[in-house]
Amino acid sequence: MASRAPKYDLERFGVLFKGSPRHADVLVVTGPVSRQARSRLLRIYSQMPEPKYVLAVGSCAISGAPFQGSYSHHGGVRNVLPVDVYVGGCPPKPEAIIDGILKIKEKIKGGRG
């Protein structure tokens, strides 16, 4: 939430938060993928228009962190969806999240490659 505050101001980079996946370019995943959440996450991802990008924010989203190897979790989001950019940390700093968003912005400008 701090990255949305006036101190960091994501809107200066052209970031607008949308309530519907049908209007989104980037899916930000901030936690581990549980068995219950997997189907919902896949449905949201399928509703996004092409090109679509996934940003994994935090240790839980990247590897599953304390839930890694648990019977009720798939671990990190990379086990369910293709991830374009990883932002490490537990919790990640707002500057790191902004850096990840800027990396995705560069991918969007230069194509998916």
N, C-alpha and C. Protein backbone atom coordinates (compact mmCIF):
# COMPACT_ATOMS: atom_id res chain seq x y z
N MET A 1 0.82 -1.19 0.00
CA MET A 1 0.00 0.00 0.00
C MET A 1 0.86 1.26 0.00
N ALA A 2 2.05 1.18 0.58
CA ALA A 2 2.91 2.36 0.63
C ALA A 2 3.32 2.82 -0.77
N SER A 3 3.43 1.89 -1.70
CA SER A 3 3.84 2.28 -3.06
C SER A 3 2.74 3.09 -3.76
N ARG A 4 1.51 3.05 -3.25
CA ARG A 4 0.43 3.85 -3.82
C ARG A 4 0.32 5.22 -3.15
N ALA A 5 1.03 5.42 -2.06
CA ALA A 5 0.96 6.67 -1.31
C ALA A 5 1.62 7.81 -2.07
N PRO A 6 1.31 9.05 -1.71
CA PRO A 6 1.88 10.21 -2.41
C PRO A 6 3.42 10.26 -2.40
N LYS A 7 4.03 9.64 -1.39
CA LYS A 7 5.50 9.67 -1.32
C LYS A 7 6.13 8.98 -2.53
N TYR A 8 5.53 7.89 -2.99
CA TYR A 8 6.08 7.14 -4.12
C TYR A 8 5.33 7.39 -5.41
N ASP A 9 4.02 7.64 -5.34
CA ASP A 9 3.18 8.08 -6.46
C ASP A 9 3.37 7.26 -7.74
N LEU A 10 2.78 6.09 -7.77
CA LEU A 10 2.88 5.23 -8.95
C LEU A 10 2.20 5.82 -10.18
N GLU A 11 1.27 6.71 -10.00
CA GLU A 11 0.57 7.28 -11.15
C GLU A 11 1.49 8.11 -12.04
N ARG A 12 2.59 8.59 -11.49
CA ARG A 12 3.53 9.35 -12.33
C ARG A 12 4.18 8.46 -13.38
N PHE A 13 4.14 7.15 -13.19
CA PHE A 13 4.68 6.20 -14.16
C PHE A 13 3.59 5.66 -15.08
N GLY A 14 2.38 6.15 -14.93
CA GLY A 14 1.27 5.69 -15.76
C GLY A 14 0.56 4.47 -15.22
N VAL A 15 0.74 4.16 -13.94
CA VAL A 15 0.11 2.99 -13.33
C VAL A 15 -1.26 3.39 -12.81
N LEU A 16 -2.28 2.72 -13.31
CA LEU A 16 -3.65 2.92 -12.85
C LEU A 16 -4.19 1.59 -12.36
N PHE A 17 -4.80 1.58 -11.20
CA PHE A 17 -5.34 0.35 -10.65
C PHE A 17 -6.77 0.16 -11.14
N LYS A 18 -7.05 -1.04 -11.63
CA LYS A 18 -8.36 -1.36 -12.18
C LYS A 18 -8.99 -2.48 -11.35
N GLY A 19 -10.28 -2.44 -11.21
CA GLY A 19 -10.98 -3.44 -10.42
C GLY A 19 -11.36 -4.69 -11.20
N SER A 20 -11.19 -4.68 -12.51
CA SER A 20 -11.57 -5.82 -13.33
C SER A 20 -10.37 -6.33 -14.12
N PRO A 21 -10.19 -7.66 -14.16
CA PRO A 21 -9.08 -8.21 -14.95
C PRO A 21 -9.24 -7.95 -16.45
N ARG A 22 -10.45 -7.67 -16.89
CA ARG A 22 -10.69 -7.41 -18.31
C ARG A 22 -10.10 -6.08 -18.77
N HIS A 23 -9.72 -5.25 -17.82
CA HIS A 23 -9.14 -3.94 -18.14
C HIS A 23 -7.69 -3.86 -17.70
N ALA A 24 -7.09 -4.97 -17.32
CA ALA A 24 -5.74 -4.97 -16.75
C ALA A 24 -4.71 -5.55 -17.72
N ASP A 25 -3.50 -5.04 -17.63
CA ASP A 25 -2.37 -5.56 -18.40
C ASP A 25 -1.45 -6.40 -17.52
N VAL A 26 -1.41 -6.07 -16.23
CA VAL A 26 -0.48 -6.71 -15.31
C VAL A 26 -1.25 -7.31 -14.14
N LEU A 27 -0.94 -8.57 -13.83
CA LEU A 27 -1.50 -9.24 -12.67
C LEU A 27 -0.42 -9.26 -11.59
N VAL A 28 -0.70 -8.68 -10.45
CA VAL A 28 0.26 -8.63 -9.35
C VAL A 28 -0.15 -9.69 -8.34
N VAL A 29 0.71 -10.67 -8.12
CA VAL A 29 0.45 -11.75 -7.16
C VAL A 29 1.33 -11.50 -5.94
N THR A 30 0.70 -11.43 -4.77
CA THR A 30 1.45 -11.06 -3.56
C THR A 30 1.52 -12.16 -2.51
N GLY A 31 1.03 -13.34 -2.82
CA GLY A 31 1.07 -14.41 -1.83
C GLY A 31 1.23 -15.76 -2.47
N PRO A 32 1.35 -16.81 -1.64
CA PRO A 32 1.48 -18.16 -2.19
C PRO A 32 0.16 -18.60 -2.81
N VAL A 33 0.24 -19.58 -3.68
CA VAL A 33 -0.95 -20.08 -4.37
C VAL A 33 -1.44 -21.33 -3.64
N SER A 34 -2.58 -21.19 -2.98
CA SER A 34 -3.17 -22.34 -2.29
C SER A 34 -3.99 -23.16 -3.28
N ARG A 35 -4.38 -24.35 -2.87
CA ARG A 35 -5.19 -25.20 -3.75
C ARG A 35 -6.54 -24.54 -4.05
N GLN A 36 -7.10 -23.83 -3.08
CA GLN A 36 -8.37 -23.14 -3.30
C GLN A 36 -8.22 -21.97 -4.25
N ALA A 37 -7.12 -21.23 -4.13
CA ALA A 37 -6.93 -20.02 -4.93
C ALA A 37 -6.47 -20.31 -6.35
N ARG A 38 -5.95 -21.49 -6.61
CA ARG A 38 -5.40 -21.80 -7.93
C ARG A 38 -6.42 -21.61 -9.05
N SER A 39 -7.60 -22.16 -8.89
CA SER A 39 -8.61 -22.05 -9.95
C SER A 39 -9.06 -20.61 -10.14
N ARG A 40 -9.16 -19.86 -9.07
CA ARG A 40 -9.54 -18.45 -9.18
C ARG A 40 -8.46 -17.65 -9.88
N LEU A 41 -7.21 -17.94 -9.55
CA LEU A 41 -6.09 -17.24 -10.17
C LEU A 41 -6.04 -17.52 -11.67
N LEU A 42 -6.25 -18.77 -12.04
CA LEU A 42 -6.26 -19.13 -13.46
C LEU A 42 -7.42 -18.47 -14.20
N ARG A 43 -8.58 -18.37 -13.55
CA ARG A 43 -9.73 -17.72 -14.17
C ARG A 43 -9.46 -16.23 -14.38
N ILE A 44 -8.89 -15.58 -13.39
CA ILE A 44 -8.57 -14.15 -13.52
C ILE A 44 -7.55 -13.95 -14.63
N TYR A 45 -6.53 -14.80 -14.68
CA TYR A 45 -5.50 -14.69 -15.72
C TYR A 45 -6.10 -14.88 -17.11
N SER A 46 -7.03 -15.81 -17.25
CA SER A 46 -7.64 -16.06 -18.56
C SER A 46 -8.54 -14.91 -19.00
N GLN A 47 -9.07 -14.14 -18.06
CA GLN A 47 -9.93 -13.02 -18.39
C GLN A 47 -9.16 -11.79 -18.85
N MET A 48 -7.86 -11.75 -18.60
CA MET A 48 -7.06 -10.60 -19.00
C MET A 48 -6.82 -10.61 -20.50
N PRO A 49 -6.84 -9.43 -21.14
CA PRO A 49 -6.56 -9.37 -22.58
C PRO A 49 -5.07 -9.54 -22.86
N GLU A 50 -4.75 -9.99 -24.05
CA GLU A 50 -3.35 -10.11 -24.48
C GLU A 50 -2.82 -8.74 -24.86
N PRO A 51 -1.58 -8.43 -24.70
CA PRO A 51 -0.57 -9.16 -23.93
C PRO A 51 -0.80 -8.97 -22.45
N LYS A 52 -0.50 -10.01 -21.68
CA LYS A 52 -0.67 -9.96 -20.23
C LYS A 52 0.63 -10.33 -19.55
N TYR A 53 0.85 -9.71 -18.41
CA TYR A 53 2.10 -9.87 -17.68
C TYR A 53 1.80 -10.21 -16.23
N VAL A 54 2.69 -10.96 -15.60
CA VAL A 54 2.52 -11.35 -14.20
C VAL A 54 3.72 -10.85 -13.41
N LEU A 55 3.43 -10.20 -12.30
CA LEU A 55 4.45 -9.67 -11.38
C LEU A 55 4.30 -10.41 -10.05
N ALA A 56 5.32 -11.16 -9.65
CA ALA A 56 5.32 -11.88 -8.37
C ALA A 56 6.02 -11.00 -7.34
N VAL A 57 5.28 -10.59 -6.31
CA VAL A 57 5.79 -9.66 -5.31
C VAL A 57 5.92 -10.35 -3.97
N GLY A 58 7.15 -10.44 -3.47
CA GLY A 58 7.40 -11.00 -2.15
C GLY A 58 7.83 -12.46 -2.19
N SER A 59 8.42 -12.89 -1.11
CA SER A 59 8.93 -14.25 -1.01
C SER A 59 7.84 -15.30 -1.11
N CYS A 60 6.67 -15.02 -0.55
CA CYS A 60 5.57 -15.98 -0.62
C CYS A 60 5.12 -16.22 -2.06
N ALA A 61 5.04 -15.16 -2.84
CA ALA A 61 4.61 -15.30 -4.24
C ALA A 61 5.68 -15.97 -5.08
N ILE A 62 6.94 -15.74 -4.75
CA ILE A 62 8.03 -16.29 -5.55
C ILE A 62 8.22 -17.79 -5.29
N SER A 63 8.29 -18.19 -4.02
CA SER A 63 8.62 -19.57 -3.71
C SER A 63 7.61 -20.28 -2.82
N GLY A 64 6.68 -19.55 -2.26
CA GLY A 64 5.76 -20.16 -1.31
C GLY A 64 6.23 -19.95 0.12
N ALA A 65 7.48 -19.52 0.27
CA ALA A 65 8.11 -19.21 1.57
C ALA A 65 7.75 -20.23 2.65
N PRO A 66 7.09 -19.85 3.74
CA PRO A 66 6.88 -20.83 4.82
C PRO A 66 5.91 -21.94 4.43
N PHE A 67 5.17 -21.76 3.34
CA PHE A 67 4.21 -22.77 2.91
C PHE A 67 4.80 -23.74 1.88
N GLN A 68 6.06 -23.55 1.54
CA GLN A 68 6.71 -24.40 0.54
C GLN A 68 6.70 -25.85 0.99
N GLY A 69 6.20 -26.72 0.13
CA GLY A 69 6.13 -28.14 0.45
C GLY A 69 4.87 -28.53 1.21
N SER A 70 4.01 -27.59 1.51
CA SER A 70 2.78 -27.86 2.23
C SER A 70 1.79 -28.59 1.34
N TYR A 71 0.98 -29.45 1.93
CA TYR A 71 -0.02 -30.18 1.15
C TYR A 71 -1.09 -29.28 0.56
N SER A 72 -1.30 -28.12 1.16
CA SER A 72 -2.40 -27.26 0.72
C SER A 72 -1.96 -26.12 -0.20
N HIS A 73 -0.69 -26.09 -0.58
CA HIS A 73 -0.20 -25.01 -1.42
C HIS A 73 0.60 -25.55 -2.61
N HIS A 74 0.54 -24.80 -3.69
CA HIS A 74 1.31 -25.14 -4.89
C HIS A 74 2.68 -24.46 -4.85
N GLY A 75 2.95 -23.72 -3.81
CA GLY A 75 4.21 -22.98 -3.72
C GLY A 75 4.07 -21.63 -4.38
N GLY A 76 5.09 -21.22 -5.11
CA GLY A 76 5.07 -19.93 -5.76
C GLY A 76 4.17 -19.90 -6.97
N VAL A 77 3.90 -18.71 -7.43
CA VAL A 77 2.99 -18.53 -8.57
C VAL A 77 3.58 -19.10 -9.85
N ARG A 78 4.90 -19.24 -9.93
CA ARG A 78 5.53 -19.78 -11.14
C ARG A 78 5.12 -21.22 -11.41
N ASN A 79 4.61 -21.91 -10.41
CA ASN A 79 4.12 -23.28 -10.59
C ASN A 79 2.74 -23.32 -11.24
N VAL A 80 2.09 -22.15 -11.35
CA VAL A 80 0.74 -22.08 -11.90
C VAL A 80 0.68 -21.20 -13.14
N LEU A 81 1.38 -20.07 -13.13
CA LEU A 81 1.35 -19.10 -14.23
C LEU A 81 2.76 -18.73 -14.66
N PRO A 82 2.94 -18.29 -15.90
CA PRO A 82 4.26 -17.78 -16.32
C PRO A 82 4.49 -16.41 -15.70
N VAL A 83 5.61 -16.26 -15.00
CA VAL A 83 5.92 -15.00 -14.32
C VAL A 83 6.93 -14.22 -15.15
N ASP A 84 6.67 -12.93 -15.32
CA ASP A 84 7.55 -12.07 -16.10
C ASP A 84 8.60 -11.38 -15.24
N VAL A 85 8.23 -10.92 -14.06
CA VAL A 85 9.17 -10.20 -13.19
C VAL A 85 8.94 -10.64 -11.75
N TYR A 86 10.06 -10.84 -11.03
CA TYR A 86 10.02 -11.19 -9.62
C TYR A 86 10.53 -10.01 -8.80
N VAL A 87 9.84 -9.73 -7.68
CA VAL A 87 10.27 -8.70 -6.73
C VAL A 87 10.46 -9.40 -5.40
N GLY A 88 11.71 -9.52 -4.97
CA GLY A 88 12.02 -10.23 -3.74
C GLY A 88 11.83 -9.38 -2.50
N GLY A 89 11.81 -10.06 -1.37
CA GLY A 89 11.71 -9.39 -0.09
C GLY A 89 10.54 -9.91 0.71
N CYS A 90 10.66 -9.74 2.02
CA CYS A 90 9.58 -10.17 2.91
C CYS A 90 9.47 -9.19 4.06
N PRO A 91 8.66 -8.19 3.96
CA PRO A 91 7.93 -7.74 2.79
C PRO A 91 8.83 -6.93 1.86
N PRO A 92 8.51 -6.86 0.58
CA PRO A 92 9.34 -6.06 -0.33
C PRO A 92 9.16 -4.57 -0.07
N LYS A 93 10.20 -3.82 -0.28
CA LYS A 93 10.13 -2.37 -0.09
C LYS A 93 9.36 -1.74 -1.25
N PRO A 94 8.72 -0.61 -1.00
CA PRO A 94 7.99 0.06 -2.08
C PRO A 94 8.88 0.39 -3.28
N GLU A 95 10.16 0.73 -3.02
CA GLU A 95 11.08 1.03 -4.11
C GLU A 95 11.30 -0.20 -4.99
N ALA A 96 11.35 -1.39 -4.38
CA ALA A 96 11.53 -2.63 -5.14
C ALA A 96 10.30 -2.93 -5.98
N ILE A 97 9.12 -2.67 -5.44
CA ILE A 97 7.89 -2.90 -6.19
C ILE A 97 7.84 -1.96 -7.40
N ILE A 98 8.20 -0.71 -7.18
CA ILE A 98 8.22 0.26 -8.27
C ILE A 98 9.22 -0.17 -9.33
N ASP A 99 10.38 -0.67 -8.91
CA ASP A 99 11.39 -1.15 -9.86
C ASP A 99 10.84 -2.32 -10.68
N GLY A 100 10.12 -3.23 -10.05
CA GLY A 100 9.52 -4.34 -10.77
C GLY A 100 8.49 -3.87 -11.78
N ILE A 101 7.69 -2.88 -11.40
CA ILE A 101 6.69 -2.34 -12.31
C ILE A 101 7.37 -1.67 -13.50
N LEU A 102 8.47 -0.97 -13.25
CA LEU A 102 9.20 -0.32 -14.35
C LEU A 102 9.83 -1.35 -15.28
N LYS A 103 10.26 -2.51 -14.73
CA LYS A 103 10.80 -3.57 -15.59
C LYS A 103 9.70 -4.14 -16.50
N ILE A 104 8.50 -4.29 -15.96
CA ILE A 104 7.39 -4.76 -16.80
C ILE A 104 7.05 -3.71 -17.84
N LYS A 105 7.11 -2.44 -17.45
CA LYS A 105 6.83 -1.37 -18.41
C LYS A 105 7.82 -1.42 -19.57
N GLU A 106 9.08 -1.70 -19.29
CA GLU A 106 10.09 -1.85 -20.35
C GLU A 106 9.78 -3.06 -21.23
N LYS A 107 9.31 -4.16 -20.63
CA LYS A 107 8.92 -5.34 -21.42
C LYS A 107 7.76 -5.01 -22.34
N ILE A 108 6.82 -4.22 -21.84
CA ILE A 108 5.66 -3.84 -22.66
C ILE A 108 6.12 -2.99 -23.84
N LYS A 109 7.02 -2.05 -23.59
CA LYS A 109 7.52 -1.19 -24.68
C LYS A 109 8.29 -1.99 -25.72
N GLY A 110 9.10 -2.95 -25.25
CA GLY A 110 9.97 -3.68 -26.16
C GLY A 110 9.38 -4.99 -26.67
N GLY A 111 8.17 -5.30 -26.33
CA GLY A 111 7.59 -6.59 -26.73
C GLY A 111 7.81 -7.63 -25.66
N ARG A 112 7.27 -8.80 -25.85
CA ARG A 112 7.31 -9.84 -24.83
C ARG A 112 8.69 -10.45 -24.67
N GLY A 113 9.52 -10.45 -25.66
CA GLY A 113 10.83 -11.10 -25.64
C GLY A 113 11.71 -10.68 -24.62
